[in-house]
């Protein structure tokens, strides 16, 4: 069975990471294997300066894999952003659900996190395709399902429905 991929989108500082943390906990309690993907706009360091893996990357390695009995990390040079589909394929059947932060232009279903007071912007759902629900405590006008911050368990059940359709 292919994993369910859901993109969590929203403006900066609206609570996307907090929502993902809460969904991870709920899905794990349901017995699902959960993976996460964070989209970053620029370069980032995954390992610490001076450590062997960092030194390998600095020396020019195209791929660095760090392995231990309890963890595996993979760092690969990229010429362009990997698509969420490519990442899903790399994860294979290791997870049941992938919660992706960002990737608003992907074709996967999206949940928008919206806090009007924080950013004074319109809903992304008005111009981004594939938004299937909104997490907010604001009063907004939309035909999409709205989940309050106190109802994240209901959002998880809603998303579980997408998994069961696969």
C-alpha atoms as a PDB file:
ATOM      1  CA  UNK A   1       0.000   0.000   0.000  1.00  0.00           C
ATOM      2  CA  UNK A   2       1.310   3.446  -0.919  1.00  0.00           C
ATOM      3  CA  UNK A   3       1.656   5.926   1.892  1.00  0.00           C
ATOM      4  CA  UNK A   4      -0.792   8.771   2.351  1.00  0.00           C
ATOM      5  CA  UNK A   5       0.887  12.120   1.793  1.00  0.00           C
ATOM      6  CA  UNK A   6      -0.642  15.276   3.252  1.00  0.00           C
ATOM      7  CA  UNK A   7       0.942  18.690   2.850  1.00  0.00           C
ATOM      8  CA  UNK A   8       0.500  21.076   5.775  1.00  0.00           C
ATOM      9  CA  UNK A   9       0.586  24.595   4.368  1.00  0.00           C
ATOM     10  CA  UNK A  10       0.235  28.091   5.768  1.00  0.00           C
ATOM     11  CA  UNK A  11       2.072  31.307   6.238  1.00  0.00           C
ATOM     12  CA  UNK A  12       5.048  31.718   8.562  1.00  0.00           C
ATOM     13  CA  UNK A  13       4.374  31.399  12.294  1.00  0.00           C
ATOM     14  CA  UNK A  14       0.825  30.052  11.922  1.00  0.00           C
ATOM     15  CA  UNK A  15       1.443  26.728  13.701  1.00  0.00           C
ATOM     16  CA  UNK A  16       2.292  24.260  10.915  1.00  0.00           C
ATOM     17  CA  UNK A  17       4.999  22.533  12.960  1.00  0.00           C
ATOM     18  CA  UNK A  18       2.767  22.434  16.040  1.00  0.00           C
ATOM     19  CA  UNK A  19      -0.016  20.834  13.994  1.00  0.00           C
ATOM     20  CA  UNK A  20       2.380  18.224  12.605  1.00  0.00           C
ATOM     21  CA  UNK A  21       3.625  17.401  16.117  1.00  0.00           C
ATOM     22  CA  UNK A  22       0.059  16.862  17.302  1.00  0.00           C
ATOM     23  CA  UNK A  23      -0.877  14.756  14.255  1.00  0.00           C
ATOM     24  CA  UNK A  24       2.228  12.578  14.683  1.00  0.00           C
ATOM     25  CA  UNK A  25       1.206  11.779  18.246  1.00  0.00           C
ATOM     26  CA  UNK A  26      -2.383  10.924  17.259  1.00  0.00           C
ATOM     27  CA  UNK A  27      -1.407   8.793  14.258  1.00  0.00           C
ATOM     28  CA  UNK A  28       1.230   6.934  16.293  1.00  0.00           C
ATOM     29  CA  UNK A  29      -1.427   6.182  18.935  1.00  0.00           C
ATOM     30  CA  UNK A  30      -3.578   4.779  16.088  1.00  0.00           C
ATOM     31  CA  UNK A  31      -0.716   2.440  15.184  1.00  0.00           C
ATOM     32  CA  UNK A  32       0.455   4.129  11.986  1.00  0.00           C
ATOM     33  CA  UNK A  33       4.067   4.547  10.922  1.00  0.00           C
ATOM     34  CA  UNK A  34       4.574   8.273  10.346  1.00  0.00           C
ATOM     35  CA  UNK A  35       7.191  10.104   8.318  1.00  0.00           C
ATOM     36  CA  UNK A  36       7.672  13.839   8.014  1.00  0.00           C
ATOM     37  CA  UNK A  37       9.208  16.026   5.352  1.00  0.00           C
ATOM     38  CA  UNK A  38      10.111  19.670   5.920  1.00  0.00           C
ATOM     39  CA  UNK A  39      10.570  21.852   2.868  1.00  0.00           C
ATOM     40  CA  UNK A  40      13.306  24.446   3.247  1.00  0.00           C
ATOM     41  CA  UNK A  41      13.880  27.265   0.786  1.00  0.00           C
ATOM     42  CA  UNK A  42      17.672  27.396   1.017  1.00  0.00           C
ATOM     43  CA  UNK A  43      20.700  25.442   2.140  1.00  0.00           C
ATOM     44  CA  UNK A  44      20.674  23.806   5.541  1.00  0.00           C
ATOM     45  CA  UNK A  45      23.064  21.774   7.646  1.00  0.00           C
ATOM     46  CA  UNK A  46      21.890  18.396   8.845  1.00  0.00           C
ATOM     47  CA  UNK A  47      25.005  17.353  10.650  1.00  0.00           C
ATOM     48  CA  UNK A  48      27.341  19.262  12.922  1.00  0.00           C
ATOM     49  CA  UNK A  49      30.381  21.168  11.736  1.00  0.00           C
ATOM     50  CA  UNK A  50      33.564  19.237  12.363  1.00  0.00           C
ATOM     51  CA  UNK A  51      31.891  15.824  12.607  1.00  0.00           C
ATOM     52  CA  UNK A  52      32.922  13.093  10.163  1.00  0.00           C
ATOM     53  CA  UNK A  53      29.762  13.305   8.033  1.00  0.00           C
ATOM     54  CA  UNK A  54      30.151  17.081   7.758  1.00  0.00           C
ATOM     55  CA  UNK A  55      33.798  16.623   6.758  1.00  0.00           C
ATOM     56  CA  UNK A  56      32.757  14.094   4.092  1.00  0.00           C
ATOM     57  CA  UNK A  57      30.291  16.612   2.611  1.00  0.00           C
ATOM     58  CA  UNK A  58      32.868  19.398   2.751  1.00  0.00           C
ATOM     59  CA  UNK A  59      35.312  17.150   0.903  1.00  0.00           C
ATOM     60  CA  UNK A  60      32.779  16.873  -1.935  1.00  0.00           C
ATOM     61  CA  UNK A  61      30.860  13.638  -1.385  1.00  0.00           C
ATOM     62  CA  UNK A  62      27.646  13.606  -3.419  1.00  0.00           C
ATOM     63  CA  UNK A  63      25.902  11.313  -0.927  1.00  0.00           C
ATOM     64  CA  UNK A  64      26.634  10.842   2.781  1.00  0.00           C
ATOM     65  CA  UNK A  65      24.858   8.148   4.784  1.00  0.00           C
ATOM     66  CA  UNK A  66      25.148   7.980   8.559  1.00  0.00           C
ATOM     67  CA  UNK A  67      24.143   4.657  10.071  1.00  0.00           C
ATOM     68  CA  UNK A  68      23.844   3.315  13.600  1.00  0.00           C
ATOM     69  CA  UNK A  69      21.780   0.537  15.184  1.00  0.00           C
ATOM     70  CA  UNK A  70      19.066   3.079  16.034  1.00  0.00           C
ATOM     71  CA  UNK A  71      19.223   5.715  13.249  1.00  0.00           C
ATOM     72  CA  UNK A  72      19.887   6.172   9.547  1.00  0.00           C
ATOM     73  CA  UNK A  73      20.433   9.566   7.906  1.00  0.00           C
ATOM     74  CA  UNK A  74      20.903  10.255   4.210  1.00  0.00           C
ATOM     75  CA  UNK A  75      22.274  13.497   2.761  1.00  0.00           C
ATOM     76  CA  UNK A  76      22.389  13.930  -0.998  1.00  0.00           C
ATOM     77  CA  UNK A  77      23.484  16.868  -3.141  1.00  0.00           C
ATOM     78  CA  UNK A  78      20.639  18.173  -5.303  1.00  0.00           C
ATOM     79  CA  UNK A  79      20.583  20.265  -8.458  1.00  0.00           C
ATOM     80  CA  UNK A  80      16.929  21.164  -7.805  1.00  0.00           C
ATOM     81  CA  UNK A  81      14.186  20.618  -5.247  1.00  0.00           C
ATOM     82  CA  UNK A  82      13.127  17.001  -4.949  1.00  0.00           C
ATOM     83  CA  UNK A  83       9.416  16.613  -5.531  1.00  0.00           C
ATOM     84  CA  UNK A  84       7.234  15.244  -2.787  1.00  0.00           C
ATOM     85  CA  UNK A  85       6.484  12.294  -5.109  1.00  0.00           C
ATOM     86  CA  UNK A  86      10.219  11.519  -5.339  1.00  0.00           C
ATOM     87  CA  UNK A  87      10.541  11.678  -1.566  1.00  0.00           C
ATOM     88  CA  UNK A  88       7.492   9.414  -1.166  1.00  0.00           C
ATOM     89  CA  UNK A  89       9.109   6.906  -3.532  1.00  0.00           C
ATOM     90  CA  UNK A  90      12.389   7.023  -1.573  1.00  0.00           C
ATOM     91  CA  UNK A  91      10.521   6.259   1.650  1.00  0.00           C
ATOM     92  CA  UNK A  92       8.764   3.356  -0.060  1.00  0.00           C
ATOM     93  CA  UNK A  93       6.736   1.250   2.334  1.00  0.00           C
ATOM     94  CA  UNK A  94       8.615   2.392   5.457  1.00  0.00           C
ATOM     95  CA  UNK A  95       5.722   4.648   6.542  1.00  0.00           C
ATOM     96  CA  UNK A  96       1.942   4.708   6.242  1.00  0.00           C
ATOM     97  CA  UNK A  97       1.533   8.475   6.435  1.00  0.00           C
ATOM     98  CA  UNK A  98       3.831  11.306   5.333  1.00  0.00           C
ATOM     99  CA  UNK A  99       3.145  14.727   6.831  1.00  0.00           C
ATOM    100  CA  UNK A 100       4.900  17.315   4.692  1.00  0.00           C
ATOM    101  CA  UNK A 101       5.411  20.872   5.871  1.00  0.00           C
ATOM    102  CA  UNK A 102       5.208  23.117   2.847  1.00  0.00           C
ATOM    103  CA  UNK A 103       4.971  21.814  -0.731  1.00  0.00           C
ATOM    104  CA  UNK A 104       1.891  23.930  -1.454  1.00  0.00           C
ATOM    105  CA  UNK A 105       2.336  23.368  -5.199  1.00  0.00           C
ATOM    106  CA  UNK A 106       2.280  19.574  -4.942  1.00  0.00           C
ATOM    107  CA  UNK A 107      -0.712  17.584  -6.167  1.00  0.00           C
ATOM    108  CA  UNK A 108      -1.238  15.954  -2.738  1.00  0.00           C
ATOM    109  CA  UNK A 109      -4.121  16.888  -0.440  1.00  0.00           C
ATOM    110  CA  UNK A 110      -3.340  19.905   1.713  1.00  0.00           C
ATOM    111  CA  UNK A 111      -4.437  21.192   5.095  1.00  0.00           C
ATOM    112  CA  UNK A 112      -4.072  24.928   5.542  1.00  0.00           C
ATOM    113  CA  UNK A 113      -3.203  26.365   8.945  1.00  0.00           C
ATOM    114  CA  UNK A 114      -4.728  29.823   9.146  1.00  0.00           C
ATOM    115  CA  UNK A 115      -4.356  32.542  11.755  1.00  0.00           C
ATOM    116  CA  UNK A 116      -5.629  35.848  10.404  1.00  0.00           C
ATOM    117  CA  UNK A 117      -4.455  37.917  13.356  1.00  0.00           C
ATOM    118  CA  UNK A 118      -0.918  36.612  12.868  1.00  0.00           C
ATOM    119  CA  UNK A 119      -0.503  37.473   9.225  1.00  0.00           C
ATOM    120  CA  UNK A 120      -3.416  39.587   7.932  1.00  0.00           C
ATOM    121  CA  UNK A 121      -3.664  37.600   4.682  1.00  0.00           C
ATOM    122  CA  UNK A 122      -6.371  35.822   2.757  1.00  0.00           C
ATOM    123  CA  UNK A 123      -6.667  32.065   2.798  1.00  0.00           C
ATOM    124  CA  UNK A 124      -4.117  30.248   0.652  1.00  0.00           C
ATOM    125  CA  UNK A 125      -6.978  27.886  -0.206  1.00  0.00           C
ATOM    126  CA  UNK A 126      -8.429  30.638  -2.391  1.00  0.00           C
ATOM    127  CA  UNK A 127      -5.537  30.234  -4.832  1.00  0.00           C
ATOM    128  CA  UNK A 128      -3.812  26.919  -4.008  1.00  0.00           C
ATOM    129  CA  UNK A 129      -5.284  23.734  -5.476  1.00  0.00           C
ATOM    130  CA  UNK A 130      -5.927  20.661  -3.392  1.00  0.00           C
ATOM    131  CA  UNK A 131      -6.691  22.204   0.001  1.00  0.00           C
ATOM    132  CA  UNK A 132      -9.110  19.761   1.670  1.00  0.00           C
ATOM    133  CA  UNK A 133      -9.459  21.394   5.086  1.00  0.00           C
ATOM    134  CA  UNK A 134      -8.444  24.311   7.275  1.00  0.00           C
ATOM    135  CA  UNK A 135      -7.199  24.420  10.856  1.00  0.00           C
ATOM    136  CA  UNK A 136      -8.151  27.693  12.488  1.00  0.00           C
ATOM    137  CA  UNK A 137      -9.893  29.213  15.460  1.00  0.00           C
ATOM    138  CA  UNK A 138     -10.886  32.217  13.334  1.00  0.00           C
ATOM    139  CA  UNK A 139     -14.359  32.801  11.949  1.00  0.00           C
ATOM    140  CA  UNK A 140     -13.979  32.404   8.201  1.00  0.00           C
ATOM    141  CA  UNK A 141     -16.255  31.843   5.249  1.00  0.00           C
ATOM    142  CA  UNK A 142     -15.369  28.743   3.235  1.00  0.00           C
ATOM    143  CA  UNK A 143     -16.954  25.587   1.868  1.00  0.00           C
ATOM    144  CA  UNK A 144     -13.989  23.557   3.149  1.00  0.00           C
ATOM    145  CA  UNK A 145     -14.140  21.599   6.411  1.00  0.00           C
ATOM    146  CA  UNK A 146     -12.838  23.636   9.340  1.00  0.00           C
ATOM    147  CA  UNK A 147     -11.048  22.019  12.283  1.00  0.00           C
ATOM    148  CA  UNK A 148     -10.511  24.006  15.457  1.00  0.00           C
ATOM    149  CA  UNK A 149      -7.230  23.646  17.367  1.00  0.00           C
ATOM    150  CA  UNK A 150      -9.198  21.751  20.011  1.00  0.00           C
ATOM    151  CA  UNK A 151     -10.361  19.253  17.323  1.00  0.00           C
ATOM    152  CA  UNK A 152      -7.097  17.910  15.914  1.00  0.00           C
ATOM    153  CA  UNK A 153      -8.281  14.371  16.692  1.00  0.00           C
ATOM    154  CA  UNK A 154     -11.209  14.991  14.290  1.00  0.00           C
ATOM    155  CA  UNK A 155      -8.738  16.189  11.658  1.00  0.00           C
ATOM    156  CA  UNK A 156      -6.745  12.965  12.101  1.00  0.00           C
ATOM    157  CA  UNK A 157      -9.919  10.906  11.592  1.00  0.00           C
ATOM    158  CA  UNK A 158     -10.727  12.994   8.497  1.00  0.00           C
ATOM    159  CA  UNK A 159      -7.245  12.347   7.076  1.00  0.00           C
ATOM    160  CA  UNK A 160      -7.479   8.665   8.005  1.00  0.00           C
ATOM    161  CA  UNK A 161     -10.397   8.546   5.561  1.00  0.00           C
ATOM    162  CA  UNK A 162      -8.000   9.489   2.746  1.00  0.00           C
ATOM    163  CA  UNK A 163      -5.692   6.649   3.810  1.00  0.00           C
ATOM    164  CA  UNK A 164      -8.575   4.169   3.722  1.00  0.00           C
ATOM    165  CA  UNK A 165      -9.460   5.261   0.167  1.00  0.00           C
ATOM    166  CA  UNK A 166      -6.040   4.129  -1.096  1.00  0.00           C
END
